[in-house]
Structures are given as structure tokens and as C-alpha cells.
Amino acid sequence: MDQSSTNREFVKSHFEAVNGRDVQTVVGNIRPDLYDHELQGDHKNDLRDGAARLQVLMKQIPDLTVDVRDVMADGDRVVVRAVWSGTDLASQRKVEFHGFVQWRIVDGKFAERWSTVTPLADFSNDVDSW
């Protein structure tokens, strides 16, 4: 398998781990020196903080799922368009957010990240069109 195909499959399996609530695998996919262009300050990702944020999100939205709509890979870069949705535990309202994320993958792990994500919103009746 070429690099693009390998990285595309890696990213798909990453989202399968998210949907399976496998936080250990999700965190294991990330290099400790990940450079996240969306974080403030030094842009270095603290894996413990990232795992804690994911666990909080999964508690707030226990049926959280990620629907990967598109995956495009070119060498060490992979771009995904996805919709995250579920039911907010406190309000029992359907919520969603969607966006794009691009990763640079080095030695089979995420090394760099760029993302654009919509704010969390009430679930749209037109989610399929996105």
C-alpha cells in the first residue's frame, strides 16, 4: 500500500476508535509533540488534557458519533470532512458540529493538525446535505 492509502486507512481507524469510545487508542495515535495550529499559546498538545477533553465530551454526549463524509489523502497529509452528532445529556437535545481537519502523519502518528469546526448547535434537520 502506498503512503496516501496507508494514511487514509489510519485516519479511518482513528475515527472508528472515537466511535468505539477507545480513548487509549485515540491518544495513542497522537505524537507527544503534536503541533496543533488551533491551540493558543505554544501550540503543543498535552495528551492527558486531550484525553480528558474527549472523555468530558463523551460524558456530555454519551451517544456521540462521528460520521466521516470524505477522506482525502496526499502523501503524509490527510483531510477529513465529518459530522459529529449525538444527544446532550443535560438537555436531551440533539446536537451536532461539523468541520474539516487536516493532519500531517509521521511514523504512523498524528504530528500536526489544522481544523475548522462549527460551534456546537442544535441538531439540524438537514444534516445529510452537509
N, C-alpha and C. Protein backbone atom coordinates (compact mmCIF):
# COMPACT_ATOMS: atom_id res chain seq x y z
N MET A 1 0.85 -1.17 0.00
CA MET A 1 0.00 0.00 0.00
C MET A 1 0.90 1.24 0.00
N ASP A 2 0.54 2.25 -0.80
CA ASP A 2 1.33 3.48 -0.83
C ASP A 2 1.05 4.34 0.41
N GLN A 3 1.85 5.39 0.59
CA GLN A 3 1.75 6.22 1.79
C GLN A 3 0.37 6.85 1.94
N SER A 4 -0.18 7.37 0.84
CA SER A 4 -1.51 8.00 0.92
C SER A 4 -2.57 7.01 1.38
N SER A 5 -2.56 5.82 0.81
CA SER A 5 -3.55 4.79 1.18
C SER A 5 -3.38 4.36 2.63
N THR A 6 -2.13 4.17 3.04
CA THR A 6 -1.85 3.77 4.43
C THR A 6 -2.37 4.83 5.40
N ASN A 7 -2.09 6.10 5.10
CA ASN A 7 -2.51 7.19 5.99
C ASN A 7 -4.03 7.36 5.98
N ARG A 8 -4.66 7.17 4.83
CA ARG A 8 -6.12 7.24 4.75
C ARG A 8 -6.75 6.18 5.66
N GLU A 9 -6.23 4.96 5.61
CA GLU A 9 -6.76 3.88 6.45
C GLU A 9 -6.50 4.15 7.93
N PHE A 10 -5.33 4.73 8.24
CA PHE A 10 -5.01 5.08 9.63
C PHE A 10 -6.05 6.07 10.18
N VAL A 11 -6.38 7.09 9.39
CA VAL A 11 -7.34 8.10 9.83
C VAL A 11 -8.73 7.49 9.99
N LYS A 12 -9.13 6.64 9.07
CA LYS A 12 -10.43 5.97 9.21
C LYS A 12 -10.47 5.14 10.49
N SER A 13 -9.40 4.44 10.79
CA SER A 13 -9.37 3.62 12.02
C SER A 13 -9.38 4.51 13.26
N HIS A 14 -8.79 5.70 13.15
CA HIS A 14 -8.82 6.66 14.27
C HIS A 14 -10.26 7.02 14.61
N PHE A 15 -11.05 7.33 13.60
CA PHE A 15 -12.45 7.68 13.85
C PHE A 15 -13.26 6.48 14.32
N GLU A 16 -12.91 5.29 13.88
CA GLU A 16 -13.56 4.09 14.42
C GLU A 16 -13.28 3.97 15.92
N ALA A 17 -12.07 4.33 16.33
CA ALA A 17 -11.73 4.31 17.76
C ALA A 17 -12.54 5.36 18.52
N VAL A 18 -12.71 6.55 17.92
CA VAL A 18 -13.54 7.58 18.57
C VAL A 18 -14.96 7.04 18.74
N ASN A 19 -15.52 6.49 17.67
CA ASN A 19 -16.89 5.96 17.75
C ASN A 19 -17.01 4.79 18.71
N GLY A 20 -15.91 4.06 18.90
CA GLY A 20 -15.90 2.93 19.83
C GLY A 20 -15.54 3.32 21.26
N ARG A 21 -15.38 4.63 21.50
CA ARG A 21 -15.04 5.15 22.84
C ARG A 21 -13.69 4.65 23.33
N ASP A 22 -12.79 4.37 22.41
CA ASP A 22 -11.47 3.83 22.75
C ASP A 22 -10.47 4.98 22.88
N VAL A 23 -10.56 5.69 24.00
CA VAL A 23 -9.74 6.87 24.23
C VAL A 23 -8.26 6.52 24.21
N GLN A 24 -7.89 5.36 24.73
CA GLN A 24 -6.48 4.95 24.75
C GLN A 24 -5.92 4.87 23.33
N THR A 25 -6.66 4.28 22.40
CA THR A 25 -6.19 4.21 21.02
C THR A 25 -6.15 5.59 20.39
N VAL A 26 -7.18 6.40 20.64
CA VAL A 26 -7.21 7.76 20.09
C VAL A 26 -5.97 8.52 20.52
N VAL A 27 -5.66 8.50 21.80
CA VAL A 27 -4.48 9.21 22.32
C VAL A 27 -3.20 8.57 21.80
N GLY A 28 -3.19 7.25 21.67
CA GLY A 28 -2.02 6.55 21.15
C GLY A 28 -1.71 6.88 19.70
N ASN A 29 -2.69 7.41 18.97
CA ASN A 29 -2.47 7.80 17.58
C ASN A 29 -1.76 9.14 17.44
N ILE A 30 -1.55 9.82 18.55
CA ILE A 30 -1.03 11.19 18.54
C ILE A 30 0.39 11.22 19.07
N ARG A 31 1.28 11.87 18.32
CA ARG A 31 2.65 12.04 18.80
C ARG A 31 2.64 12.99 20.00
N PRO A 32 3.50 12.75 20.99
CA PRO A 32 3.55 13.64 22.15
C PRO A 32 3.91 15.08 21.77
N ASP A 33 4.59 15.26 20.63
CA ASP A 33 5.00 16.60 20.20
C ASP A 33 4.08 17.15 19.10
N LEU A 34 2.83 16.66 19.04
CA LEU A 34 1.87 17.15 18.05
C LEU A 34 1.82 18.67 18.08
N TYR A 35 1.89 19.29 16.92
CA TYR A 35 1.74 20.74 16.80
C TYR A 35 0.33 21.00 16.31
N ASP A 36 -0.50 21.60 17.15
CA ASP A 36 -1.90 21.85 16.83
C ASP A 36 -2.06 23.34 16.52
N HIS A 37 -2.34 23.65 15.27
CA HIS A 37 -2.44 25.04 14.83
C HIS A 37 -3.65 25.76 15.42
N GLU A 38 -4.58 25.03 16.01
CA GLU A 38 -5.79 25.65 16.58
C GLU A 38 -5.64 25.99 18.06
N LEU A 39 -4.63 25.46 18.73
CA LEU A 39 -4.43 25.75 20.15
C LEU A 39 -3.75 27.09 20.32
N GLN A 40 -4.06 27.77 21.41
CA GLN A 40 -3.42 29.03 21.75
C GLN A 40 -2.09 28.76 22.44
N GLY A 41 -1.26 29.77 22.54
CA GLY A 41 0.00 29.61 23.26
C GLY A 41 1.05 28.92 22.44
N ASP A 42 1.65 27.88 23.00
CA ASP A 42 2.79 27.24 22.33
C ASP A 42 2.38 26.19 21.30
N HIS A 43 1.09 25.94 21.15
CA HIS A 43 0.55 25.01 20.15
C HIS A 43 0.91 23.56 20.40
N LYS A 44 1.51 23.26 21.54
CA LYS A 44 1.85 21.87 21.85
C LYS A 44 0.66 21.21 22.53
N ASN A 45 0.35 20.01 22.10
CA ASN A 45 -0.80 19.29 22.62
C ASN A 45 -0.38 18.47 23.84
N ASP A 46 -1.08 18.65 24.92
CA ASP A 46 -0.87 17.82 26.10
C ASP A 46 -1.82 16.63 25.98
N LEU A 47 -1.27 15.44 25.81
CA LEU A 47 -2.10 14.26 25.56
C LEU A 47 -3.06 13.98 26.70
N ARG A 48 -2.64 14.22 27.93
CA ARG A 48 -3.55 14.00 29.07
C ARG A 48 -4.74 14.96 29.00
N ASP A 49 -4.45 16.23 28.68
CA ASP A 49 -5.54 17.20 28.55
C ASP A 49 -6.46 16.83 27.40
N GLY A 50 -5.89 16.40 26.29
CA GLY A 50 -6.69 16.00 25.14
C GLY A 50 -7.58 14.82 25.46
N ALA A 51 -7.04 13.83 26.17
CA ALA A 51 -7.83 12.66 26.57
C ALA A 51 -8.94 13.08 27.52
N ALA A 52 -8.64 13.99 28.45
CA ALA A 52 -9.64 14.45 29.40
C ALA A 52 -10.76 15.20 28.68
N ARG A 53 -10.40 16.05 27.69
CA ARG A 53 -11.42 16.78 26.93
C ARG A 53 -12.33 15.82 26.17
N LEU A 54 -11.74 14.80 25.56
CA LEU A 54 -12.53 13.82 24.82
C LEU A 54 -13.47 13.05 25.76
N GLN A 55 -12.97 12.68 26.94
CA GLN A 55 -13.81 11.96 27.89
C GLN A 55 -14.97 12.83 28.39
N VAL A 56 -14.71 14.11 28.62
CA VAL A 56 -15.77 15.03 29.04
C VAL A 56 -16.82 15.14 27.94
N LEU A 57 -16.37 15.29 26.69
CA LEU A 57 -17.30 15.37 25.57
C LEU A 57 -18.15 14.11 25.47
N MET A 58 -17.52 12.96 25.66
CA MET A 58 -18.26 11.69 25.59
C MET A 58 -19.24 11.53 26.74
N LYS A 59 -18.94 12.13 27.90
CA LYS A 59 -19.90 12.10 29.01
C LYS A 59 -21.05 13.06 28.76
N GLN A 60 -20.75 14.23 28.19
CA GLN A 60 -21.79 15.20 27.90
C GLN A 60 -22.71 14.73 26.78
N ILE A 61 -22.14 13.99 25.83
CA ILE A 61 -22.90 13.48 24.68
C ILE A 61 -22.63 11.98 24.60
N PRO A 62 -23.31 11.19 25.42
CA PRO A 62 -22.98 9.77 25.54
C PRO A 62 -23.15 8.96 24.26
N ASP A 63 -24.02 9.42 23.37
CA ASP A 63 -24.21 8.70 22.10
C ASP A 63 -23.47 9.38 20.95
N LEU A 64 -22.43 10.12 21.28
CA LEU A 64 -21.65 10.84 20.28
C LEU A 64 -21.14 9.90 19.20
N THR A 65 -21.36 10.28 17.95
CA THR A 65 -20.80 9.53 16.83
C THR A 65 -20.22 10.51 15.83
N VAL A 66 -19.23 10.02 15.11
CA VAL A 66 -18.60 10.80 14.05
C VAL A 66 -18.93 10.12 12.73
N ASP A 67 -19.57 10.88 11.86
CA ASP A 67 -19.89 10.39 10.52
C ASP A 67 -18.88 11.01 9.56
N VAL A 68 -17.92 10.22 9.13
CA VAL A 68 -16.88 10.71 8.21
C VAL A 68 -17.49 10.73 6.81
N ARG A 69 -17.56 11.93 6.24
CA ARG A 69 -18.19 12.10 4.93
C ARG A 69 -17.19 12.00 3.79
N ASP A 70 -15.99 12.51 3.99
CA ASP A 70 -14.95 12.47 2.95
C ASP A 70 -13.59 12.31 3.60
N VAL A 71 -12.72 11.57 2.94
CA VAL A 71 -11.32 11.44 3.36
C VAL A 71 -10.47 11.57 2.11
N MET A 72 -9.56 12.54 2.13
CA MET A 72 -8.64 12.74 1.01
C MET A 72 -7.22 12.70 1.53
N ALA A 73 -6.38 11.94 0.87
CA ALA A 73 -5.00 11.79 1.33
C ALA A 73 -4.04 12.10 0.19
N ASP A 74 -2.94 12.74 0.56
CA ASP A 74 -1.86 13.02 -0.38
C ASP A 74 -0.56 12.92 0.40
N GLY A 75 0.12 11.80 0.25
CA GLY A 75 1.37 11.59 0.97
C GLY A 75 1.16 11.56 2.47
N ASP A 76 1.85 12.48 3.17
CA ASP A 76 1.77 12.50 4.64
C ASP A 76 0.61 13.34 5.17
N ARG A 77 -0.24 13.87 4.28
CA ARG A 77 -1.36 14.72 4.70
C ARG A 77 -2.69 14.04 4.40
N VAL A 78 -3.63 14.15 5.36
CA VAL A 78 -4.97 13.60 5.19
C VAL A 78 -5.97 14.67 5.64
N VAL A 79 -7.00 14.88 4.82
CA VAL A 79 -8.08 15.83 5.14
C VAL A 79 -9.38 15.05 5.28
N VAL A 80 -10.15 15.38 6.31
CA VAL A 80 -11.42 14.71 6.59
C VAL A 80 -12.51 15.77 6.73
N ARG A 81 -13.67 15.47 6.15
CA ARG A 81 -14.89 16.25 6.39
C ARG A 81 -15.81 15.34 7.18
N ALA A 82 -16.25 15.81 8.36
CA ALA A 82 -17.03 14.93 9.24
C ALA A 82 -18.12 15.70 9.97
N VAL A 83 -19.14 14.95 10.37
CA VAL A 83 -20.23 15.47 11.20
C VAL A 83 -20.22 14.69 12.51
N TRP A 84 -20.11 15.40 13.62
CA TRP A 84 -20.19 14.82 14.96
C TRP A 84 -21.60 15.11 15.47
N SER A 85 -22.29 14.10 15.99
CA SER A 85 -23.65 14.34 16.47
C SER A 85 -23.99 13.41 17.63
N GLY A 86 -25.03 13.80 18.36
CA GLY A 86 -25.49 13.00 19.47
C GLY A 86 -26.51 13.76 20.28
N THR A 87 -26.77 13.28 21.49
CA THR A 87 -27.77 13.87 22.37
C THR A 87 -27.09 14.43 23.61
N ASP A 88 -27.29 15.71 23.85
CA ASP A 88 -26.75 16.35 25.05
C ASP A 88 -27.42 15.76 26.28
N LEU A 89 -26.62 15.23 27.20
CA LEU A 89 -27.14 14.55 28.38
C LEU A 89 -28.01 15.47 29.24
N ALA A 90 -27.57 16.71 29.44
CA ALA A 90 -28.29 17.62 30.33
C ALA A 90 -29.63 18.06 29.75
N SER A 91 -29.65 18.43 28.48
CA SER A 91 -30.87 18.98 27.89
C SER A 91 -31.69 17.95 27.12
N GLN A 92 -31.08 16.81 26.81
CA GLN A 92 -31.70 15.78 25.98
C GLN A 92 -32.02 16.27 24.57
N ARG A 93 -31.30 17.30 24.13
CA ARG A 93 -31.47 17.82 22.78
C ARG A 93 -30.41 17.23 21.87
N LYS A 94 -30.80 16.99 20.64
CA LYS A 94 -29.85 16.53 19.63
C LYS A 94 -28.94 17.70 19.28
N VAL A 95 -27.65 17.43 19.21
CA VAL A 95 -26.66 18.45 18.88
C VAL A 95 -25.73 17.93 17.79
N GLU A 96 -25.07 18.86 17.13
CA GLU A 96 -24.10 18.48 16.11
C GLU A 96 -23.06 19.56 15.94
N PHE A 97 -21.93 19.17 15.44
CA PHE A 97 -20.95 20.11 14.92
C PHE A 97 -20.25 19.40 13.78
N HIS A 98 -19.74 20.17 12.86
CA HIS A 98 -19.10 19.56 11.70
C HIS A 98 -17.95 20.44 11.25
N GLY A 99 -17.09 19.85 10.48
CA GLY A 99 -15.96 20.61 10.01
C GLY A 99 -14.96 19.77 9.25
N PHE A 100 -13.83 20.39 9.07
CA PHE A 100 -12.72 19.78 8.36
C PHE A 100 -11.52 19.71 9.28
N VAL A 101 -10.75 18.67 9.15
CA VAL A 101 -9.48 18.57 9.86
C VAL A 101 -8.44 18.03 8.89
N GLN A 102 -7.26 18.60 8.95
CA GLN A 102 -6.14 18.11 8.16
C GLN A 102 -5.04 17.71 9.12
N TRP A 103 -4.50 16.54 8.89
CA TRP A 103 -3.38 16.06 9.69
C TRP A 103 -2.16 15.82 8.81
N ARG A 104 -1.01 16.01 9.43
CA ARG A 104 0.25 15.53 8.85
C ARG A 104 0.64 14.34 9.70
N ILE A 105 0.95 13.23 9.04
CA ILE A 105 1.24 11.98 9.74
C ILE A 105 2.71 11.64 9.57
N VAL A 106 3.36 11.36 10.70
CA VAL A 106 4.78 10.99 10.71
C VAL A 106 4.91 9.69 11.49
N ASP A 107 5.54 8.71 10.89
CA ASP A 107 5.77 7.41 11.55
C ASP A 107 4.48 6.82 12.13
N GLY A 108 3.39 6.94 11.36
CA GLY A 108 2.14 6.32 11.77
C GLY A 108 1.39 7.00 12.90
N LYS A 109 1.72 8.28 13.16
CA LYS A 109 1.02 9.02 14.22
C LYS A 109 0.78 10.45 13.75
N PHE A 110 -0.25 11.08 14.35
CA PHE A 110 -0.54 12.47 14.02
C PHE A 110 0.57 13.37 14.57
N ALA A 111 1.17 14.18 13.68
CA ALA A 111 2.26 15.06 14.08
C ALA A 111 1.86 16.53 14.04
N GLU A 112 0.88 16.85 13.20
CA GLU A 112 0.46 18.23 13.04
C GLU A 112 -1.02 18.24 12.68
N ARG A 113 -1.73 19.29 13.15
CA ARG A 113 -3.19 19.34 12.96
C ARG A 113 -3.65 20.76 12.66
N TRP A 114 -4.55 20.86 11.68
CA TRP A 114 -5.27 22.09 11.36
C TRP A 114 -6.75 21.73 11.36
N SER A 115 -7.62 22.60 11.86
CA SER A 115 -9.05 22.26 11.82
C SER A 115 -9.91 23.51 11.73
N THR A 116 -11.09 23.31 11.18
CA THR A 116 -12.15 24.30 11.15
C THR A 116 -13.41 23.56 11.55
N VAL A 117 -14.01 23.97 12.67
CA VAL A 117 -15.17 23.25 13.20
C VAL A 117 -16.25 24.27 13.54
N THR A 118 -17.50 23.94 13.21
CA THR A 118 -18.62 24.81 13.56
C THR A 118 -18.86 24.74 15.06
N PRO A 119 -19.47 25.77 15.64
CA PRO A 119 -19.84 25.68 17.05
C PRO A 119 -20.89 24.59 17.24
N LEU A 120 -20.92 24.01 18.42
CA LEU A 120 -21.94 23.02 18.77
C LEU A 120 -23.31 23.67 18.63
N ALA A 121 -24.23 22.99 17.94
CA ALA A 121 -25.54 23.57 17.67
C ALA A 121 -26.62 22.51 17.79
N ASP A 122 -27.86 22.99 17.91
CA ASP A 122 -28.98 22.05 17.87
C ASP A 122 -28.91 21.26 16.58
N PHE A 123 -29.34 20.03 16.66
CA PHE A 123 -29.29 19.11 15.53
C PHE A 123 -30.13 19.65 14.38
N SER A 124 -29.53 19.73 13.21
CA SER A 124 -30.21 20.21 12.02
C SER A 124 -31.06 19.11 11.41
N ASN A 125 -32.19 19.47 10.88
CA ASN A 125 -33.00 18.51 10.13
C ASN A 125 -32.38 18.20 8.78
N ASP A 126 -31.40 18.99 8.37
CA ASP A 126 -30.82 18.86 7.05
C ASP A 126 -29.37 18.39 7.13
N VAL A 127 -29.03 17.56 8.11
CA VAL A 127 -27.65 17.13 8.31
C VAL A 127 -27.11 16.36 7.11
N ASP A 128 -27.96 15.64 6.40
CA ASP A 128 -27.48 14.84 5.28
C ASP A 128 -26.97 15.68 4.13
N SER A 129 -27.45 16.91 4.01
CA SER A 129 -26.99 17.75 2.91
C SER A 129 -25.60 18.30 3.15
N TRP A 130 -25.15 18.27 4.40
CA TRP A 130 -23.82 18.78 4.67
C TRP A 130 -22.83 17.73 4.28
